[in-house]
C-alpha atoms as a PDB file:
ATOM      1  CA  MET A   1     -22.174  15.014  14.107  1.00  0.00           C
ATOM      2  CA  GLU A   2     -21.268  11.349  14.192  1.00  0.00           C
ATOM      3  CA  ILE A   3     -18.573   9.837  12.010  1.00  0.00           C
ATOM      4  CA  SER A   4     -21.144   7.969   9.935  1.00  0.00           C
ATOM      5  CA  GLY A   5     -22.941  11.250   9.270  1.00  0.00           C
ATOM      6  CA  VAL A   6     -19.727  12.939   8.192  1.00  0.00           C
ATOM      7  CA  SER A   7     -18.939  10.027   5.907  1.00  0.00           C
ATOM      8  CA  MET A   8     -22.357  10.229   4.289  1.00  0.00           C
ATOM      9  CA  SER A   9     -22.061  13.983   3.710  1.00  0.00           C
ATOM     10  CA  MET A  10     -18.628  13.804   2.026  1.00  0.00           C
ATOM     11  CA  PRO A  11     -18.499  13.611  -1.765  1.00  0.00           C
ATOM     12  CA  SER A  12     -17.815  10.144  -3.116  1.00  0.00           C
ATOM     13  CA  SER A  13     -14.581  11.309  -4.755  1.00  0.00           C
ATOM     14  CA  ILE A  14     -13.155  12.151  -1.336  1.00  0.00           C
ATOM     15  CA  ASN A  15     -14.274   8.792   0.029  1.00  0.00           C
ATOM     16  CA  THR A  16     -12.631   7.024  -2.914  1.00  0.00           C
ATOM     17  CA  GLY A  17      -9.433   9.009  -2.407  1.00  0.00           C
ATOM     18  CA  VAL A  18      -9.332   8.099   1.266  1.00  0.00           C
ATOM     19  CA  GLU A  19      -9.996   4.431   0.507  1.00  0.00           C
ATOM     20  CA  ILE A  20      -7.192   4.381  -2.056  1.00  0.00           C
ATOM     21  CA  ALA A  21      -4.802   6.056   0.383  1.00  0.00           C
ATOM     22  CA  ILE A  22      -5.616   3.518   3.108  1.00  0.00           C
ATOM     23  CA  LEU A  23      -5.225   0.598   0.694  1.00  0.00           C
ATOM     24  CA  SER A  24      -1.911   2.007  -0.541  1.00  0.00           C
ATOM     25  CA  LYS A  25      -0.631   2.291   3.035  1.00  0.00           C
ATOM     26  CA  ALA A  26      -1.738  -1.280   3.793  1.00  0.00           C
ATOM     27  CA  LEU A  27       0.044  -2.578   0.688  1.00  0.00           C
ATOM     28  CA  ASP A  28       3.215  -0.676   1.591  1.00  0.00           C
ATOM     29  CA  THR A  29       3.116  -2.119   5.101  1.00  0.00           C
ATOM     30  CA  ALA A  30       2.607  -5.665   3.772  1.00  0.00           C
ATOM     31  CA  ALA A  31       5.505  -5.269   1.333  1.00  0.00           C
ATOM     32  CA  MET A  32       7.790  -3.959   4.075  1.00  0.00           C
ATOM     33  CA  THR A  33       6.800  -6.822   6.381  1.00  0.00           C
ATOM     34  CA  GLY A  34       7.544  -9.340   3.626  1.00  0.00           C
ATOM     35  CA  GLU A  35      10.955  -7.822   2.998  1.00  0.00           C
ATOM     36  CA  VAL A  36      11.823  -7.915   6.702  1.00  0.00           C
ATOM     37  CA  LEU A  37      10.689 -11.536   7.023  1.00  0.00           C
ATOM     38  CA  THR A  38      12.708 -12.536   3.958  1.00  0.00           C
ATOM     39  CA  GLU A  39      15.767 -10.805   5.390  1.00  0.00           C
ATOM     40  CA  MET A  40      15.288 -12.518   8.760  1.00  0.00           C
ATOM     41  CA  MET A  41      15.007 -15.927   7.103  1.00  0.00           C
ATOM     42  CA  GLY A  42      18.287 -15.308   5.305  1.00  0.00           C
ATOM     43  CA  GLN A  43      20.025 -14.483   8.593  1.00  0.00           C
ATOM     44  CA  ALA A  44      18.731 -17.523  10.471  1.00  0.00           C
ATOM     45  CA  PRO A  45      21.485 -19.991  11.347  1.00  0.00           C
ATOM     46  CA  VAL A  46      21.376 -23.260   9.459  1.00  0.00           C
ATOM     47  CA  ILE A  47      21.653 -26.247  11.798  1.00  0.00           C
ATOM     48  CA  PRO A  48      22.366 -29.457   9.883  1.00  0.00           C
ATOM     49  CA  GLY A  49      20.012 -32.299  10.715  1.00  0.00           C
ATOM     50  CA  LEU A  50      17.572 -30.137  12.645  1.00  0.00           C
ATOM     51  CA  GLY A  51      14.052 -31.494  12.240  1.00  0.00           C
ATOM     52  CA  GLU A  52      15.050 -34.707  10.476  1.00  0.00           C
ATOM     53  CA  HIS A  53      13.980 -36.965  13.337  1.00  0.00           C
ATOM     54  CA  ILE A  54      11.070 -36.751  15.736  1.00  0.00           C
ATOM     55  CA  ASP A  55      10.928 -38.877  18.880  1.00  0.00           C
ATOM     56  CA  ILE A  56       7.359 -39.992  19.578  1.00  0.00           C
ATOM     57  CA  ARG A  57       6.524 -41.907  22.725  1.00  0.00           C
ATOM     58  CA  VAL A  58       3.064 -43.136  23.463  1.00  0.00           C
END
């Protein structure tokens, strides 16, 4: 039986439970990624004057 056939034969409560579990995992992953990025930004060295001037030559 194909996956689509299995999905159609499962009760909707199981489908909803699986969807909620997948969404929960995705939200947990996004939260963890945000925390790691915030931590990395706090550890980045601060270089005074970096990005203040841009040399443009045509």
